[in-house]
Amino acid sequence: MSLGPDFDPEPYWNRYRTAARYVDQQLGRVLDDLERRGRPRILR
């Protein structure tokens, strides 16, 4: 990867945002499942 004047960071930024969204959704699923099973949510 060359960080010169022609470098386009957008594909890397998009990949980061996609990964962050995926992790957030998975964590939400885990927390929802714990709450459904009667265990209180630790994070709100």
C-alpha atoms as a PDB file:
ATOM      1  CA  MET A   1       0.000   0.000   0.000  1.00  0.00           C
ATOM      2  CA  SER A   2       1.436   3.338  -1.015  1.00  0.00           C
ATOM      3  CA  LEU A   3       0.228   6.417   0.834  1.00  0.00           C
ATOM      4  CA  GLY A   4       1.130   8.827  -1.916  1.00  0.00           C
ATOM      5  CA  PRO A   5      -0.972  11.560  -3.467  1.00  0.00           C
ATOM      6  CA  ASP A   6      -2.829   9.029  -5.623  1.00  0.00           C
ATOM      7  CA  PHE A   7      -3.857   6.870  -2.659  1.00  0.00           C
ATOM      8  CA  ASP A   8      -7.626   6.440  -2.280  1.00  0.00           C
ATOM      9  CA  PRO A   9      -8.546   5.636   1.340  1.00  0.00           C
ATOM     10  CA  GLU A  10     -12.257   5.180   0.623  1.00  0.00           C
ATOM     11  CA  PRO A  11     -12.181   1.376   0.034  1.00  0.00           C
ATOM     12  CA  TYR A  12     -10.346   0.909   3.338  1.00  0.00           C
ATOM     13  CA  TRP A  13     -12.750   3.229   5.152  1.00  0.00           C
ATOM     14  CA  ASN A  14     -15.718   1.331   3.691  1.00  0.00           C
ATOM     15  CA  ARG A  15     -14.251  -2.014   4.756  1.00  0.00           C
ATOM     16  CA  TYR A  16     -13.721  -0.659   8.288  1.00  0.00           C
ATOM     17  CA  ARG A  17     -17.305   0.624   8.509  1.00  0.00           C
ATOM     18  CA  THR A  18     -18.704  -2.677   7.214  1.00  0.00           C
ATOM     19  CA  ALA A  19     -16.689  -4.647   9.774  1.00  0.00           C
ATOM     20  CA  ALA A  20     -17.698  -2.321  12.616  1.00  0.00           C
ATOM     21  CA  ARG A  21     -21.376  -2.597  11.645  1.00  0.00           C
ATOM     22  CA  TYR A  22     -21.137  -6.403  11.534  1.00  0.00           C
ATOM     23  CA  VAL A  23     -19.521  -6.603  14.990  1.00  0.00           C
ATOM     24  CA  ASP A  24     -22.134  -4.202  16.392  1.00  0.00           C
ATOM     25  CA  GLN A  25     -24.971  -6.316  14.988  1.00  0.00           C
ATOM     26  CA  GLN A  26     -23.496  -9.540  16.361  1.00  0.00           C
ATOM     27  CA  LEU A  27     -23.007  -8.024  19.808  1.00  0.00           C
ATOM     28  CA  GLY A  28     -26.593  -6.791  19.710  1.00  0.00           C
ATOM     29  CA  ARG A  29     -27.800 -10.308  18.901  1.00  0.00           C
ATOM     30  CA  VAL A  30     -25.850 -11.746  21.848  1.00  0.00           C
ATOM     31  CA  LEU A  31     -27.186  -9.136  24.252  1.00  0.00           C
ATOM     32  CA  ASP A  32     -30.765  -9.587  22.994  1.00  0.00           C
ATOM     33  CA  ASP A  33     -30.473 -13.349  23.444  1.00  0.00           C
ATOM     34  CA  LEU A  34     -29.153 -12.969  26.987  1.00  0.00           C
ATOM     35  CA  GLU A  35     -32.039 -10.650  27.830  1.00  0.00           C
ATOM     36  CA  ARG A  36     -34.552 -13.069  26.273  1.00  0.00           C
ATOM     37  CA  ARG A  37     -33.160 -15.847  28.455  1.00  0.00           C
ATOM     38  CA  GLY A  38     -33.773 -13.756  31.559  1.00  0.00           C
ATOM     39  CA  ARG A  39     -30.252 -12.567  32.149  1.00  0.00           C
ATOM     40  CA  PRO A  40     -30.069  -8.791  32.634  1.00  0.00           C
ATOM     41  CA  ARG A  41     -28.207  -6.685  30.131  1.00  0.00           C
ATOM     42  CA  ILE A  42     -24.966  -5.326  31.423  1.00  0.00           C
ATOM     43  CA  LEU A  43     -24.596  -2.654  28.746  1.00  0.00           C
ATOM     44  CA  ARG A  44     -27.300  -0.221  27.735  1.00  0.00           C
END
